[in-house]
Amino acid sequence: MTKKKSLDFRKTKKMKDTTSPYISVRQSRIHGTGVYAKKKIKAGTRIIEYVGEKVTKKESDRRAQTPLENNAENEELGAVYLFEINKKYDLDGYVPYNTARFINHSCEPNCESDIVKGHVWIIALRDIKKGEEISYNYNYTWGDHEDHPCRCGSEKCVGFILAEEHWPKLKRKKKSKKKSPAGK
């Protein structure tokens, strides 16, 4: 009998959890754990830095596949927290001190990510009310979007975690499915 590997946090040096005076972490209506505004946040505010281990693209690709293969039945353990920071490197946010990893995707986000000198910041797109869940669009690519259903529940939800630039293509695809016999 082979013992199944359980996915644990990356072996990294012990670091203090990232904090922000603007947020608290608790159960989310969107998915699992979420991040919420502790107070009103003005548009343009850098809310928290998304931190982790800087890895090469090759290592990033390997890490993206490993949790999905090892934990297909457990969605929480199968999560991937990789952020593209430039053409050579990604940031693996699957570390225990990365509080920003709890921010959920939304098709109608109140934040965006911005890379500033190799650092990934979560920045308010608009004023955010106290108690509101913090979210940003994960901007997944078209290729495997159907593997990533969206649960954001917003009125603008397109049904998948997908970069907004691909939404027109998704809309056309849905239209053509409706027109074809039996939706095929």
N, C-alpha and C. Protein backbone atom coordinates (compact mmCIF):
# COMPACT_ATOMS: atom_id res chain seq x y z
N MET A 1 0.85 -1.19 0.00
CA MET A 1 0.00 0.00 0.00
C MET A 1 0.89 1.24 0.00
N THR A 2 0.69 2.10 -0.97
CA THR A 2 1.47 3.32 -1.03
C THR A 2 0.79 4.42 -0.24
N LYS A 3 1.59 5.09 0.50
CA LYS A 3 1.07 6.20 1.30
C LYS A 3 0.98 7.43 0.42
N LYS A 4 -0.18 8.03 0.38
CA LYS A 4 -0.38 9.23 -0.44
C LYS A 4 0.29 10.42 0.22
N LYS A 5 1.04 11.15 -0.57
CA LYS A 5 1.68 12.36 -0.05
C LYS A 5 0.63 13.41 0.24
N SER A 6 0.76 14.06 1.38
CA SER A 6 -0.14 15.18 1.62
C SER A 6 0.64 16.45 1.33
N LEU A 7 -0.02 17.40 0.73
CA LEU A 7 0.63 18.64 0.37
C LEU A 7 0.76 19.50 1.61
N ASP A 8 1.94 19.94 1.90
CA ASP A 8 2.18 20.80 3.04
C ASP A 8 2.77 22.09 2.50
N PHE A 9 2.88 23.10 3.35
CA PHE A 9 3.47 24.35 2.88
C PHE A 9 4.89 24.11 2.43
N ARG A 10 5.31 24.90 1.48
CA ARG A 10 6.67 24.81 0.95
C ARG A 10 7.64 24.94 2.11
N LYS A 11 8.75 24.25 2.00
CA LYS A 11 9.77 24.36 3.04
C LYS A 11 10.47 25.69 2.86
N THR A 12 10.10 26.61 3.68
CA THR A 12 10.69 27.94 3.61
C THR A 12 11.11 28.35 5.00
N LYS A 13 11.97 29.32 5.07
CA LYS A 13 12.39 29.80 6.38
C LYS A 13 11.17 30.40 7.08
N LYS A 14 11.18 30.30 8.38
CA LYS A 14 10.05 30.83 9.17
C LYS A 14 10.01 32.34 9.02
N MET A 15 8.85 32.81 8.66
CA MET A 15 8.68 34.25 8.51
C MET A 15 7.39 34.65 9.19
N LYS A 16 7.31 35.89 9.58
CA LYS A 16 6.11 36.42 10.22
C LYS A 16 5.02 36.62 9.16
N ASP A 17 3.77 36.32 9.52
CA ASP A 17 2.65 36.53 8.60
C ASP A 17 2.61 37.98 8.12
N THR A 18 2.30 38.15 6.83
CA THR A 18 2.13 39.49 6.31
C THR A 18 0.86 40.07 6.92
N THR A 19 0.90 41.31 7.26
CA THR A 19 -0.25 41.96 7.87
C THR A 19 -0.55 43.26 7.14
N SER A 20 -1.71 43.78 7.45
CA SER A 20 -2.13 45.05 6.90
C SER A 20 -3.13 45.66 7.86
N PRO A 21 -3.06 46.95 8.09
CA PRO A 21 -4.04 47.58 8.99
C PRO A 21 -5.44 47.62 8.37
N TYR A 22 -5.55 47.26 7.10
CA TYR A 22 -6.82 47.38 6.39
C TYR A 22 -7.67 46.11 6.39
N ILE A 23 -7.10 44.98 6.75
CA ILE A 23 -7.81 43.72 6.52
C ILE A 23 -7.90 42.79 7.73
N SER A 24 -8.87 41.88 7.64
CA SER A 24 -8.97 40.74 8.56
C SER A 24 -9.31 39.52 7.70
N VAL A 25 -9.00 38.35 8.22
CA VAL A 25 -9.23 37.10 7.49
C VAL A 25 -10.30 36.31 8.22
N ARG A 26 -11.28 35.82 7.45
CA ARG A 26 -12.35 35.00 8.02
C ARG A 26 -13.04 34.19 6.93
N GLN A 27 -14.03 33.43 7.31
CA GLN A 27 -14.79 32.60 6.38
C GLN A 27 -15.39 33.47 5.28
N SER A 28 -15.37 32.94 4.04
CA SER A 28 -15.86 33.69 2.89
C SER A 28 -17.13 33.10 2.32
N ARG A 29 -18.01 33.95 1.81
CA ARG A 29 -19.20 33.48 1.11
C ARG A 29 -18.83 33.02 -0.31
N ILE A 30 -17.70 33.50 -0.83
CA ILE A 30 -17.26 33.13 -2.17
C ILE A 30 -16.63 31.75 -2.16
N HIS A 31 -15.62 31.57 -1.31
CA HIS A 31 -14.90 30.30 -1.30
C HIS A 31 -13.98 30.20 -0.10
N GLY A 32 -14.19 29.23 0.75
CA GLY A 32 -13.28 28.96 1.87
C GLY A 32 -13.03 30.16 2.76
N THR A 33 -11.79 30.57 2.81
CA THR A 33 -11.37 31.70 3.62
C THR A 33 -11.27 32.93 2.73
N GLY A 34 -11.59 34.09 3.30
CA GLY A 34 -11.53 35.33 2.54
C GLY A 34 -10.89 36.44 3.34
N VAL A 35 -10.67 37.57 2.70
CA VAL A 35 -10.07 38.74 3.32
C VAL A 35 -11.10 39.87 3.26
N TYR A 36 -11.27 40.56 4.37
CA TYR A 36 -12.30 41.60 4.49
C TYR A 36 -11.71 42.92 4.96
N ALA A 37 -12.33 44.00 4.56
CA ALA A 37 -11.90 45.34 4.96
C ALA A 37 -12.25 45.58 6.42
N LYS A 38 -11.24 45.91 7.24
CA LYS A 38 -11.47 46.24 8.66
C LYS A 38 -11.98 47.66 8.81
N LYS A 39 -11.74 48.47 7.80
CA LYS A 39 -12.17 49.87 7.80
C LYS A 39 -12.32 50.30 6.35
N LYS A 40 -12.84 51.49 6.14
CA LYS A 40 -13.00 52.01 4.78
C LYS A 40 -11.61 52.13 4.15
N ILE A 41 -11.54 51.71 2.88
CA ILE A 41 -10.28 51.77 2.13
C ILE A 41 -10.50 52.65 0.90
N LYS A 42 -9.68 53.64 0.73
CA LYS A 42 -9.78 54.56 -0.41
C LYS A 42 -9.23 53.92 -1.68
N ALA A 43 -9.81 54.26 -2.82
CA ALA A 43 -9.32 53.81 -4.12
C ALA A 43 -7.85 54.17 -4.25
N GLY A 44 -7.06 53.25 -4.81
CA GLY A 44 -5.63 53.49 -5.01
C GLY A 44 -4.75 53.04 -3.86
N THR A 45 -5.35 52.64 -2.74
CA THR A 45 -4.58 52.22 -1.58
C THR A 45 -3.90 50.86 -1.83
N ARG A 46 -2.64 50.77 -1.49
CA ARG A 46 -1.95 49.47 -1.48
C ARG A 46 -2.39 48.76 -0.21
N ILE A 47 -3.17 47.72 -0.37
CA ILE A 47 -3.78 47.05 0.79
C ILE A 47 -2.82 46.07 1.45
N ILE A 48 -2.21 45.20 0.66
CA ILE A 48 -1.29 44.21 1.20
C ILE A 48 -0.39 43.71 0.08
N GLU A 49 0.81 43.31 0.44
CA GLU A 49 1.72 42.72 -0.55
C GLU A 49 1.47 41.21 -0.60
N TYR A 50 1.43 40.68 -1.82
CA TYR A 50 1.32 39.24 -2.05
C TYR A 50 2.76 38.72 -2.06
N VAL A 51 3.11 37.92 -1.06
CA VAL A 51 4.50 37.48 -0.90
C VAL A 51 4.64 35.99 -1.11
N GLY A 52 5.88 35.54 -1.24
CA GLY A 52 6.13 34.12 -1.40
C GLY A 52 7.55 33.88 -1.87
N GLU A 53 7.75 32.72 -2.46
CA GLU A 53 9.06 32.32 -2.93
C GLU A 53 9.20 32.61 -4.42
N LYS A 54 10.27 33.30 -4.80
CA LYS A 54 10.54 33.60 -6.20
C LYS A 54 11.10 32.34 -6.85
N VAL A 55 10.45 31.87 -7.92
CA VAL A 55 10.87 30.64 -8.60
C VAL A 55 10.94 30.86 -10.11
N THR A 56 11.73 30.03 -10.78
CA THR A 56 11.83 30.11 -12.24
C THR A 56 10.52 29.64 -12.86
N LYS A 57 10.34 29.96 -14.14
CA LYS A 57 9.14 29.52 -14.87
C LYS A 57 9.05 28.00 -14.88
N LYS A 58 10.19 27.34 -15.08
CA LYS A 58 10.21 25.87 -15.12
C LYS A 58 9.74 25.29 -13.79
N GLU A 59 10.25 25.83 -12.70
CA GLU A 59 9.84 25.36 -11.37
C GLU A 59 8.39 25.70 -11.10
N SER A 60 7.97 26.85 -11.56
CA SER A 60 6.58 27.27 -11.41
C SER A 60 5.63 26.29 -12.10
N ASP A 61 5.98 25.90 -13.33
CA ASP A 61 5.16 24.93 -14.07
C ASP A 61 5.08 23.60 -13.32
N ARG A 62 6.20 23.16 -12.76
CA ARG A 62 6.21 21.91 -12.00
C ARG A 62 5.31 22.02 -10.77
N ARG A 63 5.43 23.13 -10.08
CA ARG A 63 4.63 23.33 -8.86
C ARG A 63 3.14 23.47 -9.17
N ALA A 64 2.83 24.03 -10.30
CA ALA A 64 1.42 24.19 -10.68
C ALA A 64 0.76 22.83 -10.90
N GLN A 65 1.50 21.87 -11.41
CA GLN A 65 0.96 20.54 -11.69
C GLN A 65 0.92 19.65 -10.45
N THR A 66 1.90 19.74 -9.58
CA THR A 66 2.02 18.83 -8.44
C THR A 66 0.80 18.84 -7.52
N PRO A 67 0.34 19.99 -7.04
CA PRO A 67 -0.81 19.95 -6.12
C PRO A 67 -2.07 19.42 -6.81
N LEU A 68 -2.24 19.75 -8.06
CA LEU A 68 -3.42 19.31 -8.78
C LEU A 68 -3.42 17.79 -8.95
N GLU A 69 -2.25 17.22 -9.24
CA GLU A 69 -2.13 15.78 -9.41
C GLU A 69 -2.26 15.04 -8.08
N ASN A 70 -1.61 15.55 -7.04
CA ASN A 70 -1.60 14.87 -5.74
C ASN A 70 -2.88 15.01 -4.96
N ASN A 71 -3.65 16.04 -5.24
CA ASN A 71 -4.81 16.33 -4.40
C ASN A 71 -6.06 16.61 -5.21
N ALA A 72 -6.24 15.88 -6.27
CA ALA A 72 -7.39 16.12 -7.15
C ALA A 72 -8.71 16.03 -6.40
N GLU A 73 -8.78 15.17 -5.38
CA GLU A 73 -10.04 15.03 -4.65
C GLU A 73 -10.23 16.09 -3.57
N ASN A 74 -9.19 16.81 -3.22
CA ASN A 74 -9.28 17.82 -2.18
C ASN A 74 -8.94 19.18 -2.76
N GLU A 75 -9.96 19.92 -3.11
CA GLU A 75 -9.80 21.21 -3.80
C GLU A 75 -8.94 22.20 -3.01
N GLU A 76 -9.09 22.23 -1.69
CA GLU A 76 -8.31 23.17 -0.88
C GLU A 76 -6.82 22.87 -1.00
N LEU A 77 -6.45 21.59 -0.92
CA LEU A 77 -5.05 21.23 -1.02
C LEU A 77 -4.54 21.33 -2.45
N GLY A 78 -5.43 21.29 -3.42
CA GLY A 78 -5.04 21.38 -4.82
C GLY A 78 -4.88 22.80 -5.30
N ALA A 79 -5.02 23.77 -4.42
CA ALA A 79 -4.93 25.17 -4.82
C ALA A 79 -3.51 25.52 -5.25
N VAL A 80 -3.42 26.44 -6.19
CA VAL A 80 -2.14 26.92 -6.70
C VAL A 80 -2.12 28.43 -6.48
N TYR A 81 -1.00 28.94 -5.96
CA TYR A 81 -0.91 30.36 -5.61
C TYR A 81 0.24 31.04 -6.35
N LEU A 82 0.38 30.76 -7.63
CA LEU A 82 1.48 31.30 -8.41
C LEU A 82 1.10 32.63 -9.07
N PHE A 83 2.02 33.56 -9.02
CA PHE A 83 1.82 34.89 -9.60
C PHE A 83 2.96 35.17 -10.56
N GLU A 84 2.64 35.56 -11.78
CA GLU A 84 3.69 35.90 -12.74
C GLU A 84 4.24 37.28 -12.39
N ILE A 85 5.57 37.35 -12.16
CA ILE A 85 6.14 38.66 -11.85
C ILE A 85 6.95 39.24 -13.01
N ASN A 86 7.47 38.38 -13.89
CA ASN A 86 8.13 38.84 -15.12
C ASN A 86 8.32 37.65 -16.05
N LYS A 87 9.07 37.83 -17.14
CA LYS A 87 9.23 36.75 -18.13
C LYS A 87 10.06 35.58 -17.61
N LYS A 88 10.89 35.81 -16.60
CA LYS A 88 11.77 34.76 -16.09
C LYS A 88 11.24 34.11 -14.80
N TYR A 89 10.53 34.87 -13.99
CA TYR A 89 10.18 34.39 -12.65
C TYR A 89 8.70 34.54 -12.31
N ASP A 90 8.28 33.64 -11.42
CA ASP A 90 6.95 33.70 -10.81
C ASP A 90 7.14 33.78 -9.30
N LEU A 91 6.07 34.08 -8.62
CA LEU A 91 6.06 34.12 -7.17
C LEU A 91 5.13 33.03 -6.69
N ASP A 92 5.64 32.10 -5.90
CA ASP A 92 4.81 31.04 -5.33
C ASP A 92 4.34 31.50 -3.97
N GLY A 93 3.07 31.88 -3.90
CA GLY A 93 2.48 32.40 -2.67
C GLY A 93 1.98 31.34 -1.72
N TYR A 94 2.25 30.07 -2.03
CA TYR A 94 1.81 28.99 -1.15
C TYR A 94 2.81 28.80 0.00
N VAL A 95 2.85 29.83 0.84
CA VAL A 95 3.69 29.84 2.03
C VAL A 95 2.81 30.30 3.20
N PRO A 96 3.07 29.80 4.40
CA PRO A 96 2.17 30.11 5.51
C PRO A 96 2.09 31.58 5.90
N TYR A 97 3.10 32.36 5.57
CA TYR A 97 3.11 33.76 5.96
C TYR A 97 2.44 34.69 4.94
N ASN A 98 1.92 34.15 3.84
CA ASN A 98 1.28 34.97 2.80
C ASN A 98 -0.21 35.13 3.07
N THR A 99 -0.57 36.10 3.84
CA THR A 99 -1.97 36.36 4.17
C THR A 99 -2.79 36.69 2.91
N ALA A 100 -2.18 37.32 1.92
CA ALA A 100 -2.88 37.71 0.69
C ALA A 100 -3.37 36.51 -0.11
N ARG A 101 -2.87 35.32 0.17
CA ARG A 101 -3.31 34.13 -0.58
C ARG A 101 -4.79 33.83 -0.32
N PHE A 102 -5.35 34.41 0.72
CA PHE A 102 -6.76 34.18 1.06
C PHE A 102 -7.72 35.10 0.29
N ILE A 103 -7.19 36.03 -0.49
CA ILE A 103 -8.05 36.93 -1.26
C ILE A 103 -8.66 36.13 -2.42
N ASN A 104 -9.97 36.18 -2.54
CA ASN A 104 -10.68 35.41 -3.56
C ASN A 104 -10.81 36.17 -4.88
N HIS A 105 -11.05 35.39 -5.93
CA HIS A 105 -11.32 35.92 -7.26
C HIS A 105 -12.75 36.46 -7.33
N SER A 106 -12.94 37.48 -8.14
CA SER A 106 -14.28 37.96 -8.47
C SER A 106 -14.27 38.48 -9.90
N CYS A 107 -15.41 38.29 -10.59
CA CYS A 107 -15.58 38.85 -11.93
C CYS A 107 -15.91 40.34 -11.85
N GLU A 108 -16.21 40.81 -10.66
CA GLU A 108 -16.49 42.23 -10.41
C GLU A 108 -15.65 42.66 -9.20
N PRO A 109 -14.32 42.68 -9.37
CA PRO A 109 -13.42 42.90 -8.24
C PRO A 109 -13.39 44.34 -7.75
N ASN A 110 -12.97 44.48 -6.49
CA ASN A 110 -12.77 45.82 -5.93
C ASN A 110 -11.28 46.15 -5.84
N CYS A 111 -10.43 45.20 -6.25
CA CYS A 111 -8.98 45.40 -6.23
C CYS A 111 -8.36 44.85 -7.51
N GLU A 112 -7.08 45.14 -7.67
CA GLU A 112 -6.30 44.57 -8.76
C GLU A 112 -4.91 44.31 -8.21
N SER A 113 -4.18 43.48 -8.92
CA SER A 113 -2.78 43.26 -8.54
C SER A 113 -1.92 44.16 -9.41
N ASP A 114 -0.82 44.61 -8.84
CA ASP A 114 0.11 45.44 -9.58
C ASP A 114 1.52 45.04 -9.17
N ILE A 115 2.39 44.88 -10.14
CA ILE A 115 3.77 44.50 -9.86
C ILE A 115 4.61 45.77 -9.89
N VAL A 116 5.24 46.06 -8.75
CA VAL A 116 6.06 47.25 -8.59
C VAL A 116 7.45 46.80 -8.16
N LYS A 117 8.43 46.94 -9.04
CA LYS A 117 9.81 46.56 -8.77
C LYS A 117 9.91 45.14 -8.20
N GLY A 118 9.22 44.20 -8.84
CA GLY A 118 9.29 42.80 -8.44
C GLY A 118 8.41 42.43 -7.26
N HIS A 119 7.66 43.38 -6.73
CA HIS A 119 6.76 43.11 -5.61
C HIS A 119 5.32 43.15 -6.12
N VAL A 120 4.51 42.20 -5.67
CA VAL A 120 3.11 42.14 -6.08
C VAL A 120 2.25 42.78 -4.99
N TRP A 121 1.56 43.84 -5.37
CA TRP A 121 0.68 44.56 -4.44
C TRP A 121 -0.78 44.37 -4.83
N ILE A 122 -1.63 44.27 -3.84
CA ILE A 122 -3.07 44.25 -4.05
C ILE A 122 -3.54 45.67 -3.75
N ILE A 123 -4.14 46.31 -4.77
CA ILE A 123 -4.48 47.73 -4.70
C ILE A 123 -5.98 47.93 -4.94
N ALA A 124 -6.58 48.79 -4.15
CA ALA A 124 -8.01 49.08 -4.27
C ALA A 124 -8.31 49.79 -5.59
N LEU A 125 -9.26 49.24 -6.35
CA LEU A 125 -9.70 49.86 -7.61
C LEU A 125 -10.69 51.00 -7.35
N ARG A 126 -11.39 50.89 -6.26
CA ARG A 126 -12.42 51.87 -5.89
C ARG A 126 -12.45 51.94 -4.37
N ASP A 127 -13.24 52.86 -3.84
CA ASP A 127 -13.42 52.90 -2.39
C ASP A 127 -14.09 51.60 -1.95
N ILE A 128 -13.61 51.02 -0.86
CA ILE A 128 -14.13 49.76 -0.34
C ILE A 128 -14.70 50.02 1.06
N LYS A 129 -15.92 49.55 1.29
CA LYS A 129 -16.58 49.76 2.57
C LYS A 129 -16.06 48.81 3.63
N LYS A 130 -16.11 49.24 4.88
CA LYS A 130 -15.76 48.39 6.01
C LYS A 130 -16.65 47.14 5.95
N GLY A 131 -16.04 45.96 6.12
CA GLY A 131 -16.78 44.70 6.10
C GLY A 131 -16.91 44.06 4.74
N GLU A 132 -16.56 44.78 3.68
CA GLU A 132 -16.66 44.24 2.31
C GLU A 132 -15.51 43.26 2.05
N GLU A 133 -15.82 42.16 1.33
CA GLU A 133 -14.77 41.20 1.00
C GLU A 133 -13.86 41.77 -0.08
N ILE A 134 -12.56 41.63 0.13
CA ILE A 134 -11.55 42.06 -0.82
C ILE A 134 -11.45 41.00 -1.92
N SER A 135 -11.40 41.43 -3.18
CA SER A 135 -11.30 40.47 -4.29
C SER A 135 -10.55 41.11 -5.44
N TYR A 136 -9.99 40.25 -6.28
CA TYR A 136 -9.41 40.72 -7.54
C TYR A 136 -9.61 39.63 -8.58
N ASN A 137 -9.47 39.98 -9.86
CA ASN A 137 -9.60 39.01 -10.93
C ASN A 137 -8.27 38.28 -11.04
N TYR A 138 -8.29 36.96 -10.91
CA TYR A 138 -7.06 36.17 -11.00
C TYR A 138 -6.47 36.16 -12.40
N ASN A 139 -7.25 36.60 -13.38
CA ASN A 139 -6.76 36.75 -14.76
C ASN A 139 -6.19 35.46 -15.36
N TYR A 140 -6.88 34.36 -15.15
CA TYR A 140 -6.45 33.09 -15.76
C TYR A 140 -6.59 33.18 -17.27
N THR A 141 -5.77 32.39 -17.95
CA THR A 141 -5.77 32.39 -19.41
C THR A 141 -6.90 31.52 -19.96
N TRP A 142 -7.13 31.62 -21.25
CA TRP A 142 -8.22 30.93 -21.92
C TRP A 142 -8.05 29.41 -21.90
N GLY A 143 -6.87 28.93 -22.14
CA GLY A 143 -6.59 27.51 -22.35
C GLY A 143 -7.36 26.50 -21.54
N ASP A 144 -7.34 26.62 -20.23
CA ASP A 144 -8.01 25.63 -19.39
C ASP A 144 -9.06 26.28 -18.47
N HIS A 145 -9.70 27.31 -18.96
CA HIS A 145 -10.65 28.06 -18.13
C HIS A 145 -11.79 27.19 -17.61
N GLU A 146 -12.18 26.17 -18.38
CA GLU A 146 -13.31 25.34 -17.97
C GLU A 146 -12.98 24.50 -16.73
N ASP A 147 -11.70 24.39 -16.40
CA ASP A 147 -11.28 23.69 -15.18
C ASP A 147 -11.39 24.58 -13.95
N HIS A 148 -11.75 25.84 -14.16
CA HIS A 148 -11.77 26.80 -13.05
C HIS A 148 -13.10 27.55 -12.98
N PRO A 149 -14.16 26.89 -12.50
CA PRO A 149 -15.44 27.59 -12.39
C PRO A 149 -15.36 28.70 -11.35
N CYS A 150 -16.12 29.74 -11.59
CA CYS A 150 -16.15 30.89 -10.69
C CYS A 150 -17.34 30.78 -9.74
N ARG A 151 -17.12 31.20 -8.51
CA ARG A 151 -18.17 31.18 -7.49
C ARG A 151 -18.41 32.57 -6.90
N CYS A 152 -18.00 33.60 -7.60
CA CYS A 152 -18.03 34.93 -7.01
C CYS A 152 -19.45 35.43 -6.72
N GLY A 153 -20.41 34.99 -7.53
CA GLY A 153 -21.80 35.39 -7.29
C GLY A 153 -22.14 36.81 -7.69
N SER A 154 -21.24 37.51 -8.35
CA SER A 154 -21.54 38.89 -8.75
C SER A 154 -22.49 38.88 -9.95
N GLU A 155 -23.17 40.00 -10.16
CA GLU A 155 -24.06 40.12 -11.32
C GLU A 155 -23.32 40.00 -12.64
N LYS A 156 -22.03 40.33 -12.64
CA LYS A 156 -21.22 40.27 -13.86
C LYS A 156 -20.47 38.94 -14.00
N CYS A 157 -20.75 37.96 -13.15
CA CYS A 157 -20.01 36.69 -13.18
C CYS A 157 -20.16 36.02 -14.54
N VAL A 158 -19.02 35.58 -15.10
CA VAL A 158 -19.02 34.91 -16.40
C VAL A 158 -18.98 33.40 -16.26
N GLY A 159 -18.92 32.91 -15.02
CA GLY A 159 -18.95 31.48 -14.77
C GLY A 159 -17.60 30.80 -14.66
N PHE A 160 -16.54 31.52 -15.01
CA PHE A 160 -15.20 30.94 -14.94
C PHE A 160 -14.22 31.98 -14.41
N ILE A 161 -13.15 31.51 -13.78
CA ILE A 161 -12.06 32.41 -13.37
C ILE A 161 -11.25 32.66 -14.62
N LEU A 162 -11.41 33.85 -15.18
CA LEU A 162 -10.87 34.14 -16.50
C LEU A 162 -10.57 35.63 -16.63
N ALA A 163 -9.45 35.94 -17.25
CA ALA A 163 -9.09 37.34 -17.50
C ALA A 163 -10.19 38.00 -18.33
N GLU A 164 -10.50 39.23 -18.01
CA GLU A 164 -11.58 39.95 -18.68
C GLU A 164 -11.36 40.06 -20.19
N GLU A 165 -10.12 40.09 -20.62
CA GLU A 165 -9.83 40.17 -22.06
C GLU A 165 -10.40 38.98 -22.83
N HIS A 166 -10.66 37.86 -22.15
CA HIS A 166 -11.20 36.66 -22.80
C HIS A 166 -12.72 36.55 -22.70
N TRP A 167 -13.36 37.47 -22.00
CA TRP A 167 -14.82 37.40 -21.82
C TRP A 167 -15.58 37.44 -23.14
N PRO A 168 -15.20 38.30 -24.12
CA PRO A 168 -15.93 38.30 -25.40
C PRO A 168 -15.86 36.94 -26.10
N LYS A 169 -14.71 36.29 -26.05
CA LYS A 169 -14.54 34.96 -26.65
C LYS A 169 -15.47 33.95 -25.95
N LEU A 170 -15.56 34.04 -24.64
CA LEU A 170 -16.44 33.15 -23.87
C LEU A 170 -17.90 33.39 -24.23
N LYS A 171 -18.25 34.67 -24.38
CA LYS A 171 -19.63 35.02 -24.76
C LYS A 171 -19.97 34.43 -26.14
N ARG A 172 -19.04 34.56 -27.09
CA ARG A 172 -19.25 34.00 -28.43
C ARG A 172 -19.38 32.48 -28.36
N LYS A 173 -18.57 31.85 -27.55
CA LYS A 173 -18.60 30.40 -27.41
C LYS A 173 -19.95 29.95 -26.83
N LYS A 174 -20.44 30.67 -25.83
CA LYS A 174 -21.74 30.33 -25.23
C LYS A 174 -22.86 30.51 -26.25
N LYS A 175 -22.79 31.59 -27.05
CA LYS A 175 -23.80 31.85 -28.09
C LYS A 175 -23.82 30.74 -29.12
N SER A 176 -22.64 30.31 -29.56
CA SER A 176 -22.58 29.26 -30.59
C SER A 176 -23.08 27.92 -30.04
N LYS A 177 -22.89 27.66 -28.77
CA LYS A 177 -23.41 26.44 -28.15
C LYS A 177 -24.93 26.45 -28.13
N LYS A 178 -25.51 27.62 -27.88
CA LYS A 178 -26.97 27.74 -27.84
C LYS A 178 -27.58 27.52 -29.23
N LYS A 179 -26.87 27.98 -30.26
CA LYS A 179 -27.37 27.86 -31.63
C LYS A 179 -27.24 26.45 -32.19
N SER A 180 -26.21 25.70 -31.74
CA SER A 180 -26.01 24.36 -32.29
C SER A 180 -27.02 23.38 -31.69
N PRO A 181 -27.35 22.32 -32.43
CA PRO A 181 -28.33 21.33 -31.95
C PRO A 181 -27.85 20.68 -30.65
N ALA A 182 -28.76 20.57 -29.70
CA ALA A 182 -28.50 19.94 -28.39
C ALA A 182 -27.37 20.60 -27.64
N GLY A 183 -27.03 21.85 -27.97
CA GLY A 183 -26.01 22.61 -27.26
C GLY A 183 -24.60 22.05 -27.41
N LYS A 184 -24.33 21.30 -28.45
CA LYS A 184 -23.00 20.69 -28.63
C LYS A 184 -22.09 21.56 -29.43
